[in-house]
């Protein structure tokens, strides 16, 4: 399951369904906050300076 959190983030959740107790229960197996934008390197500044 995926839900938008903000303009650039999504919450990704994996659930497990358990129906053994007479009524369905959902358990969170895993959750992760992810960027929904494509990452692009910023190479506008040359910050590496070698000793040569």
Protein backbone atom coordinates (compact mmCIF):
# COMPACT_ATOMS: atom_id res chain seq x y z
CA UNK A 1 0.00 0.00 0.00
CA UNK A 2 1.34 3.47 -0.89
CA UNK A 3 0.07 6.80 0.40
CA UNK A 4 1.29 10.30 -0.43
CA UNK A 5 2.64 12.12 2.63
CA UNK A 6 3.77 15.32 0.96
CA UNK A 7 4.53 16.69 -2.49
CA UNK A 8 7.79 14.74 -2.65
CA UNK A 9 7.33 11.81 -0.23
CA UNK A 10 5.31 8.60 -0.06
CA UNK A 11 4.71 6.16 2.77
CA UNK A 12 5.04 2.55 1.61
CA UNK A 13 3.42 -0.03 3.94
CA UNK A 14 3.27 -3.83 3.77
CA UNK A 15 0.37 -5.39 5.72
CA UNK A 16 -0.42 -8.96 6.77
CA UNK A 17 -4.02 -10.12 7.12
CA UNK A 18 -4.84 -12.45 10.04
CA UNK A 19 -8.35 -13.98 10.08
CA UNK A 20 -7.75 -16.65 12.71
CA UNK A 21 -9.41 -14.78 15.62
CA UNK A 22 -12.93 -14.68 14.18
CA UNK A 23 -12.55 -11.23 12.64
CA UNK A 24 -9.91 -9.84 10.31
CA UNK A 25 -6.90 -8.04 11.79
CA UNK A 26 -4.14 -6.31 9.87
CA UNK A 27 -0.55 -6.21 11.09
CA UNK A 28 2.12 -3.87 9.77
CA UNK A 29 4.98 -5.97 8.41
CA UNK A 30 7.12 -3.13 7.06
CA UNK A 31 6.90 0.61 6.47
CA UNK A 32 9.25 3.03 4.75
CA UNK A 33 9.18 6.72 3.86
CA UNK A 34 10.35 7.14 0.26
CA UNK A 35 11.03 10.02 -2.06
CA UNK A 36 8.57 10.23 -4.93
CA UNK A 37 10.83 12.53 -6.98
CA UNK A 38 13.63 11.30 -9.22
CA UNK A 39 17.02 12.04 -7.69
CA UNK A 40 19.32 14.23 -9.75
CA UNK A 41 22.91 14.98 -8.82
CA UNK A 42 23.83 18.64 -8.37
CA UNK A 43 27.14 19.06 -10.15
CA UNK A 44 26.93 22.84 -10.54
CA UNK A 45 29.81 23.39 -8.04
CA UNK A 46 33.23 21.82 -8.42
CA UNK A 47 33.93 21.07 -4.74
CA UNK A 48 36.66 18.45 -5.16
CA UNK A 49 40.16 19.89 -5.23
CA UNK A 50 43.06 17.49 -5.52
CA UNK A 51 46.48 18.25 -4.08
CA UNK A 52 48.08 18.45 -7.53
